[in-house]
């Protein structure tokens, strides 16, 4: 049996201690995930103004030490990359993205970099994702509060002493929280509104940026996209990425991420607009 749980997370809502985004769906509390993320470092006299015209977030509103999610779009408005931007200093920014997608972000930033004083560097940084209990003090270039914990990134990090979660557990927590990932839910064919990430990733007051027209047009129409990212849960055999969800013999969704749990499985997938009001599948 497969049940549509709800839409993907939007905005900056906080999680309660009992929220599934704070605990592994199998019931075991977890502390920290250790991994890698690609980081594009952007610096120079024109760094802030250049980024302001290229990405969806309001760069001028980000204080030193603060972070925000953002999109960088194709001129037609579809996604090139979804990432987090941190102002690490005066005229210095760190853009961290899912591992393996730094080259895409770097290439897109270079595309319109004409006659501007901007320098780019691509690095791979250590990534600690604390969920549940969080250390009282964390010293790193990027310390970003997220809905269900704190993300910490740096070129080097001391190995944590807390309990570690596996790749599978971290994936299950991401899916439970309804968070899309590059290469799974997000690609060059994705309309941002379909993934439910516009509210937290785009400013509607900052002015023009590349790809803004589609974002604004879809928003003015109620973000009514052909498909919408949803969470699904089941208690039978664990499906595979790419499997279809059917209602009355008709395919209404395609699964993009899947993780097993003690009681079955969780998944993310894109639900067709015609079936968006269906509660079961």
C-alpha atoms as a PDB file:
ATOM      1  CA  UNK A   1       0.000   0.000   0.000  1.00  0.00           C
ATOM      2  CA  UNK A   2       1.251   3.473  -0.883  1.00  0.00           C
ATOM      3  CA  UNK A   3       0.020   6.666   0.721  1.00  0.00           C
ATOM      4  CA  UNK A   4       0.679  10.238  -0.331  1.00  0.00           C
ATOM      5  CA  UNK A   5       1.903  11.891   2.857  1.00  0.00           C
ATOM      6  CA  UNK A   6       1.995  15.585   1.962  1.00  0.00           C
ATOM      7  CA  UNK A   7       3.722  18.212  -0.112  1.00  0.00           C
ATOM      8  CA  UNK A   8       7.407  18.931   0.034  1.00  0.00           C
ATOM      9  CA  UNK A   9       8.590  21.310   2.729  1.00  0.00           C
ATOM     10  CA  UNK A  10       8.295  25.026   2.044  1.00  0.00           C
ATOM     11  CA  UNK A  11       9.422  28.099   3.962  1.00  0.00           C
ATOM     12  CA  UNK A  12      11.453  28.040   7.155  1.00  0.00           C
ATOM     13  CA  UNK A  13       9.124  26.222   9.548  1.00  0.00           C
ATOM     14  CA  UNK A  14      10.833  24.796  12.625  1.00  0.00           C
ATOM     15  CA  UNK A  15      10.655  21.137  13.590  1.00  0.00           C
ATOM     16  CA  UNK A  16       9.471  19.969  16.986  1.00  0.00           C
ATOM     17  CA  UNK A  17      11.422  17.230  18.831  1.00  0.00           C
ATOM     18  CA  UNK A  18       8.824  14.702  17.666  1.00  0.00           C
ATOM     19  CA  UNK A  19       8.892  15.821  14.051  1.00  0.00           C
ATOM     20  CA  UNK A  20       9.970  13.018  11.684  1.00  0.00           C
ATOM     21  CA  UNK A  21      12.546  15.412  10.258  1.00  0.00           C
ATOM     22  CA  UNK A  22      14.373  15.244  13.607  1.00  0.00           C
ATOM     23  CA  UNK A  23      14.459  11.466  14.029  1.00  0.00           C
ATOM     24  CA  UNK A  24      15.283   8.569  11.781  1.00  0.00           C
ATOM     25  CA  UNK A  25      11.944   7.182  10.549  1.00  0.00           C
ATOM     26  CA  UNK A  26      12.872   3.793  11.997  1.00  0.00           C
ATOM     27  CA  UNK A  27      12.707   5.356  15.440  1.00  0.00           C
ATOM     28  CA  UNK A  28      16.437   5.568  16.347  1.00  0.00           C
ATOM     29  CA  UNK A  29      17.675   9.024  17.244  1.00  0.00           C
ATOM     30  CA  UNK A  30      20.681  10.196  15.239  1.00  0.00           C
ATOM     31  CA  UNK A  31      23.278  12.898  15.842  1.00  0.00           C
ATOM     32  CA  UNK A  32      25.510  13.709  12.892  1.00  0.00           C
ATOM     33  CA  UNK A  33      26.065  12.791   9.261  1.00  0.00           C
ATOM     34  CA  UNK A  34      29.589  13.143   7.872  1.00  0.00           C
ATOM     35  CA  UNK A  35      29.961  13.775   4.153  1.00  0.00           C
ATOM     36  CA  UNK A  36      31.250  16.166   1.499  1.00  0.00           C
ATOM     37  CA  UNK A  37      29.695  19.074  -0.379  1.00  0.00           C
ATOM     38  CA  UNK A  38      31.037  21.043  -3.316  1.00  0.00           C
ATOM     39  CA  UNK A  39      31.744  24.697  -2.532  1.00  0.00           C
ATOM     40  CA  UNK A  40      32.190  27.491  -5.062  1.00  0.00           C
ATOM     41  CA  UNK A  41      34.037  30.440  -3.516  1.00  0.00           C
ATOM     42  CA  UNK A  42      33.107  33.796  -5.042  1.00  0.00           C
ATOM     43  CA  UNK A  43      35.180  36.889  -4.266  1.00  0.00           C
ATOM     44  CA  UNK A  44      36.194  40.230  -5.689  1.00  0.00           C
ATOM     45  CA  UNK A  45      35.059  43.836  -5.851  1.00  0.00           C
ATOM     46  CA  UNK A  46      32.033  42.929  -7.998  1.00  0.00           C
ATOM     47  CA  UNK A  47      31.155  39.635  -6.303  1.00  0.00           C
ATOM     48  CA  UNK A  48      28.007  40.853  -4.530  1.00  0.00           C
ATOM     49  CA  UNK A  49      26.610  42.822  -7.463  1.00  0.00           C
ATOM     50  CA  UNK A  50      27.333  40.014  -9.917  1.00  0.00           C
ATOM     51  CA  UNK A  51      25.638  37.399  -7.755  1.00  0.00           C
ATOM     52  CA  UNK A  52      22.696  39.748  -7.197  1.00  0.00           C
ATOM     53  CA  UNK A  53      21.985  39.691 -10.932  1.00  0.00           C
ATOM     54  CA  UNK A  54      22.480  35.940 -11.336  1.00  0.00           C
ATOM     55  CA  UNK A  55      20.830  34.155  -8.410  1.00  0.00           C
ATOM     56  CA  UNK A  56      17.307  34.224  -7.002  1.00  0.00           C
ATOM     57  CA  UNK A  57      18.161  35.154  -3.405  1.00  0.00           C
ATOM     58  CA  UNK A  58      18.633  38.763  -2.254  1.00  0.00           C
ATOM     59  CA  UNK A  59      22.397  38.878  -1.769  1.00  0.00           C
ATOM     60  CA  UNK A  60      22.302  42.353  -0.222  1.00  0.00           C
ATOM     61  CA  UNK A  61      20.097  41.043   2.599  1.00  0.00           C
ATOM     62  CA  UNK A  62      22.595  38.357   3.657  1.00  0.00           C
ATOM     63  CA  UNK A  63      24.795  39.523   6.539  1.00  0.00           C
ATOM     64  CA  UNK A  64      28.327  38.265   7.155  1.00  0.00           C
ATOM     65  CA  UNK A  65      28.058  34.822   8.726  1.00  0.00           C
ATOM     66  CA  UNK A  66      24.488  34.290   7.522  1.00  0.00           C
ATOM     67  CA  UNK A  67      23.227  31.803   4.954  1.00  0.00           C
ATOM     68  CA  UNK A  68      20.205  31.363   2.699  1.00  0.00           C
ATOM     69  CA  UNK A  69      19.084  28.854   0.099  1.00  0.00           C
ATOM     70  CA  UNK A  70      19.079  30.081  -3.486  1.00  0.00           C
ATOM     71  CA  UNK A  71      18.613  29.054  -7.093  1.00  0.00           C
ATOM     72  CA  UNK A  72      20.642  29.786 -10.171  1.00  0.00           C
ATOM     73  CA  UNK A  73      18.479  29.440 -13.246  1.00  0.00           C
ATOM     74  CA  UNK A  74      18.647  29.100 -16.983  1.00  0.00           C
ATOM     75  CA  UNK A  75      17.449  32.176 -18.902  1.00  0.00           C
ATOM     76  CA  UNK A  76      14.211  30.236 -19.511  1.00  0.00           C
ATOM     77  CA  UNK A  77      13.730  29.869 -15.745  1.00  0.00           C
ATOM     78  CA  UNK A  78      14.468  26.186 -15.181  1.00  0.00           C
ATOM     79  CA  UNK A  79      16.987  25.038 -12.584  1.00  0.00           C
ATOM     80  CA  UNK A  80      20.734  24.898 -13.112  1.00  0.00           C
ATOM     81  CA  UNK A  81      21.487  24.434  -9.400  1.00  0.00           C
ATOM     82  CA  UNK A  82      19.913  24.744  -5.944  1.00  0.00           C
ATOM     83  CA  UNK A  83      22.466  25.695  -3.320  1.00  0.00           C
ATOM     84  CA  UNK A  84      23.120  27.575  -0.101  1.00  0.00           C
ATOM     85  CA  UNK A  85      24.894  30.931  -0.178  1.00  0.00           C
ATOM     86  CA  UNK A  86      26.864  32.174   2.840  1.00  0.00           C
ATOM     87  CA  UNK A  87      28.476  35.600   3.103  1.00  0.00           C
ATOM     88  CA  UNK A  88      31.788  34.663   4.703  1.00  0.00           C
ATOM     89  CA  UNK A  89      33.329  38.134   4.555  1.00  0.00           C
ATOM     90  CA  UNK A  90      33.251  41.527   2.865  1.00  0.00           C
ATOM     91  CA  UNK A  91      32.912  40.678  -0.815  1.00  0.00           C
ATOM     92  CA  UNK A  92      33.418  36.967  -0.139  1.00  0.00           C
ATOM     93  CA  UNK A  93      30.782  34.254  -0.546  1.00  0.00           C
ATOM     94  CA  UNK A  94      30.680  30.471  -0.271  1.00  0.00           C
ATOM     95  CA  UNK A  95      28.079  28.650  -2.358  1.00  0.00           C
ATOM     96  CA  UNK A  96      27.685  25.026  -1.236  1.00  0.00           C
ATOM     97  CA  UNK A  97      25.835  22.499  -3.363  1.00  0.00           C
ATOM     98  CA  UNK A  98      25.267  18.742  -3.369  1.00  0.00           C
ATOM     99  CA  UNK A  99      28.463  16.794  -4.074  1.00  0.00           C
ATOM    100  CA  UNK A 100      29.081  16.351  -7.780  1.00  0.00           C
ATOM    101  CA  UNK A 101      27.254  19.531  -8.789  1.00  0.00           C
ATOM    102  CA  UNK A 102      29.968  22.106  -8.152  1.00  0.00           C
ATOM    103  CA  UNK A 103      31.150  21.994 -11.760  1.00  0.00           C
ATOM    104  CA  UNK A 104      27.625  22.773 -12.980  1.00  0.00           C
ATOM    105  CA  UNK A 105      27.299  25.714 -10.587  1.00  0.00           C
ATOM    106  CA  UNK A 106      30.781  26.984 -11.480  1.00  0.00           C
ATOM    107  CA  UNK A 107      30.119  26.788 -15.225  1.00  0.00           C
ATOM    108  CA  UNK A 108      26.812  28.609 -14.875  1.00  0.00           C
ATOM    109  CA  UNK A 109      28.412  31.412 -12.848  1.00  0.00           C
ATOM    110  CA  UNK A 110      31.122  31.823 -15.485  1.00  0.00           C
ATOM    111  CA  UNK A 111      28.614  32.011 -18.335  1.00  0.00           C
ATOM    112  CA  UNK A 112      27.767  35.701 -17.944  1.00  0.00           C
ATOM    113  CA  UNK A 113      30.947  36.822 -16.155  1.00  0.00           C
ATOM    114  CA  UNK A 114      32.054  39.553 -18.561  1.00  0.00           C
ATOM    115  CA  UNK A 115      34.145  42.555 -17.531  1.00  0.00           C
ATOM    116  CA  UNK A 116      33.529  42.060 -13.823  1.00  0.00           C
ATOM    117  CA  UNK A 117      36.022  41.831 -10.971  1.00  0.00           C
ATOM    118  CA  UNK A 118      35.022  38.397  -9.721  1.00  0.00           C
ATOM    119  CA  UNK A 119      37.111  35.343  -8.895  1.00  0.00           C
ATOM    120  CA  UNK A 120      35.753  31.800  -8.622  1.00  0.00           C
ATOM    121  CA  UNK A 121      37.268  28.715  -7.014  1.00  0.00           C
ATOM    122  CA  UNK A 122      35.776  25.232  -6.704  1.00  0.00           C
ATOM    123  CA  UNK A 123      36.584  23.138  -3.633  1.00  0.00           C
ATOM    124  CA  UNK A 124      35.260  20.066  -1.836  1.00  0.00           C
ATOM    125  CA  UNK A 125      34.538  20.742   1.840  1.00  0.00           C
ATOM    126  CA  UNK A 126      33.824  18.489   4.769  1.00  0.00           C
ATOM    127  CA  UNK A 127      30.152  18.485   5.737  1.00  0.00           C
ATOM    128  CA  UNK A 128      28.703  17.649   9.168  1.00  0.00           C
ATOM    129  CA  UNK A 129      24.913  17.593   9.406  1.00  0.00           C
ATOM    130  CA  UNK A 130      23.850  17.674  13.048  1.00  0.00           C
ATOM    131  CA  UNK A 131      20.281  16.526  13.635  1.00  0.00           C
ATOM    132  CA  UNK A 132      18.621  16.448  17.023  1.00  0.00           C
ATOM    133  CA  UNK A 133      21.172  17.485  19.644  1.00  0.00           C
ATOM    134  CA  UNK A 134      23.591  20.143  18.405  1.00  0.00           C
ATOM    135  CA  UNK A 135      26.956  21.090  19.953  1.00  0.00           C
ATOM    136  CA  UNK A 136      26.850  24.329  21.920  1.00  0.00           C
ATOM    137  CA  UNK A 137      29.711  25.908  19.967  1.00  0.00           C
ATOM    138  CA  UNK A 138      30.656  25.311  16.353  1.00  0.00           C
ATOM    139  CA  UNK A 139      33.554  27.125  14.660  1.00  0.00           C
ATOM    140  CA  UNK A 140      33.557  26.881  10.861  1.00  0.00           C
ATOM    141  CA  UNK A 141      33.182  29.135   7.803  1.00  0.00           C
ATOM    142  CA  UNK A 142      29.623  27.857   7.330  1.00  0.00           C
ATOM    143  CA  UNK A 143      27.370  27.145  10.307  1.00  0.00           C
ATOM    144  CA  UNK A 144      23.830  27.164   8.967  1.00  0.00           C
ATOM    145  CA  UNK A 145      20.678  26.565  10.985  1.00  0.00           C
ATOM    146  CA  UNK A 146      18.273  24.305   9.087  1.00  0.00           C
ATOM    147  CA  UNK A 147      14.747  23.178   9.887  1.00  0.00           C
ATOM    148  CA  UNK A 148      15.847  20.183  11.940  1.00  0.00           C
ATOM    149  CA  UNK A 149      19.389  20.934  13.070  1.00  0.00           C
ATOM    150  CA  UNK A 150      22.633  22.605  11.998  1.00  0.00           C
ATOM    151  CA  UNK A 151      24.851  22.112   8.945  1.00  0.00           C
ATOM    152  CA  UNK A 152      28.585  22.760   9.360  1.00  0.00           C
ATOM    153  CA  UNK A 153      31.048  23.042   6.456  1.00  0.00           C
ATOM    154  CA  UNK A 154      34.778  23.745   6.296  1.00  0.00           C
ATOM    155  CA  UNK A 155      37.869  22.682   4.314  1.00  0.00           C
ATOM    156  CA  UNK A 156      38.849  20.660   7.389  1.00  0.00           C
ATOM    157  CA  UNK A 157      36.695  19.552  10.322  1.00  0.00           C
ATOM    158  CA  UNK A 158      37.562  17.618  13.461  1.00  0.00           C
ATOM    159  CA  UNK A 159      35.789  14.238  13.364  1.00  0.00           C
ATOM    160  CA  UNK A 160      32.696  14.409  15.578  1.00  0.00           C
ATOM    161  CA  UNK A 161      32.445  12.324  18.741  1.00  0.00           C
ATOM    162  CA  UNK A 162      28.666  12.021  18.491  1.00  0.00           C
ATOM    163  CA  UNK A 163      26.879   9.013  17.026  1.00  0.00           C
ATOM    164  CA  UNK A 164      27.169   8.864  13.251  1.00  0.00           C
ATOM    165  CA  UNK A 165      24.307   8.208  10.869  1.00  0.00           C
ATOM    166  CA  UNK A 166      24.692   6.174   7.704  1.00  0.00           C
ATOM    167  CA  UNK A 167      24.095   7.366   4.165  1.00  0.00           C
ATOM    168  CA  UNK A 168      20.794   5.490   4.210  1.00  0.00           C
ATOM    169  CA  UNK A 169      19.668   7.125   7.454  1.00  0.00           C
ATOM    170  CA  UNK A 170      20.581  10.586   6.205  1.00  0.00           C
ATOM    171  CA  UNK A 171      18.690   9.940   2.960  1.00  0.00           C
ATOM    172  CA  UNK A 172      15.661   8.777   4.934  1.00  0.00           C
ATOM    173  CA  UNK A 173      15.728  11.961   7.011  1.00  0.00           C
ATOM    174  CA  UNK A 174      15.986  14.107   3.886  1.00  0.00           C
ATOM    175  CA  UNK A 175      13.038  12.333   2.312  1.00  0.00           C
ATOM    176  CA  UNK A 176      11.025  12.505   5.536  1.00  0.00           C
ATOM    177  CA  UNK A 177      11.630  16.265   5.621  1.00  0.00           C
ATOM    178  CA  UNK A 178      10.557  16.583   1.976  1.00  0.00           C
ATOM    179  CA  UNK A 179      13.873  18.085   0.885  1.00  0.00           C
ATOM    180  CA  UNK A 180      14.792  17.697  -2.809  1.00  0.00           C
ATOM    181  CA  UNK A 181      18.321  16.871  -3.976  1.00  0.00           C
ATOM    182  CA  UNK A 182      20.223  17.763  -7.114  1.00  0.00           C
ATOM    183  CA  UNK A 183      20.195  14.882  -9.574  1.00  0.00           C
ATOM    184  CA  UNK A 184      17.196  13.232  -7.925  1.00  0.00           C
ATOM    185  CA  UNK A 185      14.357  15.735  -7.655  1.00  0.00           C
ATOM    186  CA  UNK A 186      16.145  18.674  -9.279  1.00  0.00           C
ATOM    187  CA  UNK A 187      17.577  18.810 -12.798  1.00  0.00           C
ATOM    188  CA  UNK A 188      17.877  21.116 -15.787  1.00  0.00           C
ATOM    189  CA  UNK A 189      14.266  20.244 -16.666  1.00  0.00           C
ATOM    190  CA  UNK A 190      12.805  21.218 -13.275  1.00  0.00           C
ATOM    191  CA  UNK A 191      10.549  24.235 -12.804  1.00  0.00           C
ATOM    192  CA  UNK A 192      11.410  25.641  -9.337  1.00  0.00           C
ATOM    193  CA  UNK A 193       7.781  25.921  -8.223  1.00  0.00           C
ATOM    194  CA  UNK A 194       7.194  22.231  -8.951  1.00  0.00           C
ATOM    195  CA  UNK A 195       9.781  21.338  -6.293  1.00  0.00           C
ATOM    196  CA  UNK A 196       8.243  23.641  -3.677  1.00  0.00           C
ATOM    197  CA  UNK A 197      11.461  25.565  -2.994  1.00  0.00           C
ATOM    198  CA  UNK A 198      10.657  29.041  -4.317  1.00  0.00           C
ATOM    199  CA  UNK A 199       9.439  30.572  -1.046  1.00  0.00           C
ATOM    200  CA  UNK A 200      12.703  29.865   0.765  1.00  0.00           C
ATOM    201  CA  UNK A 201      15.022  30.395  -2.194  1.00  0.00           C
ATOM    202  CA  UNK A 202      13.833  33.462  -4.100  1.00  0.00           C
ATOM    203  CA  UNK A 203      13.237  37.133  -3.376  1.00  0.00           C
ATOM    204  CA  UNK A 204      10.313  38.859  -5.067  1.00  0.00           C
ATOM    205  CA  UNK A 205      11.543  42.344  -4.114  1.00  0.00           C
ATOM    206  CA  UNK A 206      15.256  42.361  -5.072  1.00  0.00           C
ATOM    207  CA  UNK A 207      14.872  43.208  -8.737  1.00  0.00           C
ATOM    208  CA  UNK A 208      15.880  41.354 -11.875  1.00  0.00           C
ATOM    209  CA  UNK A 209      17.997  38.235 -12.117  1.00  0.00           C
ATOM    210  CA  UNK A 210      18.497  35.632 -14.821  1.00  0.00           C
ATOM    211  CA  UNK A 211      15.453  33.358 -15.114  1.00  0.00           C
ATOM    212  CA  UNK A 212      13.222  35.568 -12.966  1.00  0.00           C
ATOM    213  CA  UNK A 213      10.413  35.837 -15.515  1.00  0.00           C
ATOM    214  CA  UNK A 214       9.266  32.212 -15.221  1.00  0.00           C
ATOM    215  CA  UNK A 215       9.442  32.275 -11.415  1.00  0.00           C
ATOM    216  CA  UNK A 216       7.317  35.431 -11.257  1.00  0.00           C
ATOM    217  CA  UNK A 217       4.836  34.228 -13.871  1.00  0.00           C
ATOM    218  CA  UNK A 218       4.245  30.860 -12.202  1.00  0.00           C
ATOM    219  CA  UNK A 219       3.942  32.540  -8.795  1.00  0.00           C
ATOM    220  CA  UNK A 220       1.305  34.943 -10.134  1.00  0.00           C
ATOM    221  CA  UNK A 221      -0.697  31.903 -11.264  1.00  0.00           C
ATOM    222  CA  UNK A 222      -0.606  30.230  -7.878  1.00  0.00           C
ATOM    223  CA  UNK A 223       2.398  27.989  -8.583  1.00  0.00           C
ATOM    224  CA  UNK A 224       0.086  25.679 -10.509  1.00  0.00           C
ATOM    225  CA  UNK A 225       2.671  23.485 -12.243  1.00  0.00           C
ATOM    226  CA  UNK A 226       2.035  20.288 -14.267  1.00  0.00           C
ATOM    227  CA  UNK A 227       3.622  18.182 -11.504  1.00  0.00           C
ATOM    228  CA  UNK A 228       4.287  18.815  -7.810  1.00  0.00           C
ATOM    229  CA  UNK A 229       6.831  17.239  -5.467  1.00  0.00           C
ATOM    230  CA  UNK A 230       5.167  15.060  -2.831  1.00  0.00           C
ATOM    231  CA  UNK A 231       6.137  12.592  -0.127  1.00  0.00           C
ATOM    232  CA  UNK A 232       4.886   9.021  -0.274  1.00  0.00           C
ATOM    233  CA  UNK A 233       4.944   6.162   2.235  1.00  0.00           C
ATOM    234  CA  UNK A 234       4.231   2.457   1.927  1.00  0.00           C
ATOM    235  CA  UNK A 235       4.238  -0.725   3.989  1.00  0.00           C
ATOM    236  CA  UNK A 236       4.969  -3.262   1.269  1.00  0.00           C
ATOM    237  CA  UNK A 237       8.035  -4.085  -0.780  1.00  0.00           C
ATOM    238  CA  UNK A 238      10.427  -1.157  -1.161  1.00  0.00           C
ATOM    239  CA  UNK A 239      10.056   0.337  -4.665  1.00  0.00           C
ATOM    240  CA  UNK A 240      12.867   1.652  -6.839  1.00  0.00           C
ATOM    241  CA  UNK A 241      13.663   5.131  -8.070  1.00  0.00           C
ATOM    242  CA  UNK A 242      11.771   5.633 -11.310  1.00  0.00           C
ATOM    243  CA  UNK A 243       8.856   3.421 -10.318  1.00  0.00           C
ATOM    244  CA  UNK A 244       5.383   4.759 -10.973  1.00  0.00           C
ATOM    245  CA  UNK A 245       2.595   5.280  -8.443  1.00  0.00           C
ATOM    246  CA  UNK A 246      -0.768   4.237  -9.847  1.00  0.00           C
ATOM    247  CA  UNK A 247      -4.351   5.166  -8.991  1.00  0.00           C
ATOM    248  CA  UNK A 248      -7.136   3.095 -10.520  1.00  0.00           C
ATOM    249  CA  UNK A 249      -4.690   1.669 -13.030  1.00  0.00           C
ATOM    250  CA  UNK A 250      -3.365   5.050 -14.162  1.00  0.00           C
ATOM    251  CA  UNK A 251       0.175   6.258 -13.397  1.00  0.00           C
ATOM    252  CA  UNK A 252      -0.069   9.507 -11.430  1.00  0.00           C
ATOM    253  CA  UNK A 253       3.450   9.933 -10.007  1.00  0.00           C
ATOM    254  CA  UNK A 254       7.075   8.925 -10.506  1.00  0.00           C
ATOM    255  CA  UNK A 255       9.344   8.247  -7.519  1.00  0.00           C
ATOM    256  CA  UNK A 256      12.634  10.154  -7.444  1.00  0.00           C
ATOM    257  CA  UNK A 257      14.128   9.129  -4.063  1.00  0.00           C
ATOM    258  CA  UNK A 258      13.324   6.054  -1.951  1.00  0.00           C
ATOM    259  CA  UNK A 259      14.467   4.913   1.508  1.00  0.00           C
ATOM    260  CA  UNK A 260      13.481   1.857   3.574  1.00  0.00           C
ATOM    261  CA  UNK A 261      12.170   2.266   7.128  1.00  0.00           C
ATOM    262  CA  UNK A 262      11.357  -0.185   9.911  1.00  0.00           C
ATOM    263  CA  UNK A 263       7.689  -0.096   8.901  1.00  0.00           C
ATOM    264  CA  UNK A 264       8.097   0.005   5.126  1.00  0.00           C
ATOM    265  CA  UNK A 265       9.450   2.834   3.012  1.00  0.00           C
ATOM    266  CA  UNK A 266       9.411   6.562   2.350  1.00  0.00           C
ATOM    267  CA  UNK A 267       9.792   8.284  -1.001  1.00  0.00           C
ATOM    268  CA  UNK A 268       9.708  11.567  -2.838  1.00  0.00           C
ATOM    269  CA  UNK A 269       8.108  11.839  -6.233  1.00  0.00           C
ATOM    270  CA  UNK A 270       6.403  14.151  -8.670  1.00  0.00           C
ATOM    271  CA  UNK A 271       2.605  13.899  -8.653  1.00  0.00           C
ATOM    272  CA  UNK A 272       0.665  14.916 -11.736  1.00  0.00           C
ATOM    273  CA  UNK A 273      -1.514  17.994 -11.339  1.00  0.00           C
ATOM    274  CA  UNK A 274      -4.615  16.015 -12.280  1.00  0.00           C
ATOM    275  CA  UNK A 275      -4.068  13.760  -9.264  1.00  0.00           C
ATOM    276  CA  UNK A 276      -2.803  16.364  -6.788  1.00  0.00           C
ATOM    277  CA  UNK A 277      -5.964  16.129  -4.673  1.00  0.00           C
ATOM    278  CA  UNK A 278      -5.776  12.338  -4.348  1.00  0.00           C
ATOM    279  CA  UNK A 279      -4.998  11.195  -0.806  1.00  0.00           C
ATOM    280  CA  UNK A 280      -4.137   7.547  -1.482  1.00  0.00           C
ATOM    281  CA  UNK A 281      -2.545   5.517  -4.212  1.00  0.00           C
END
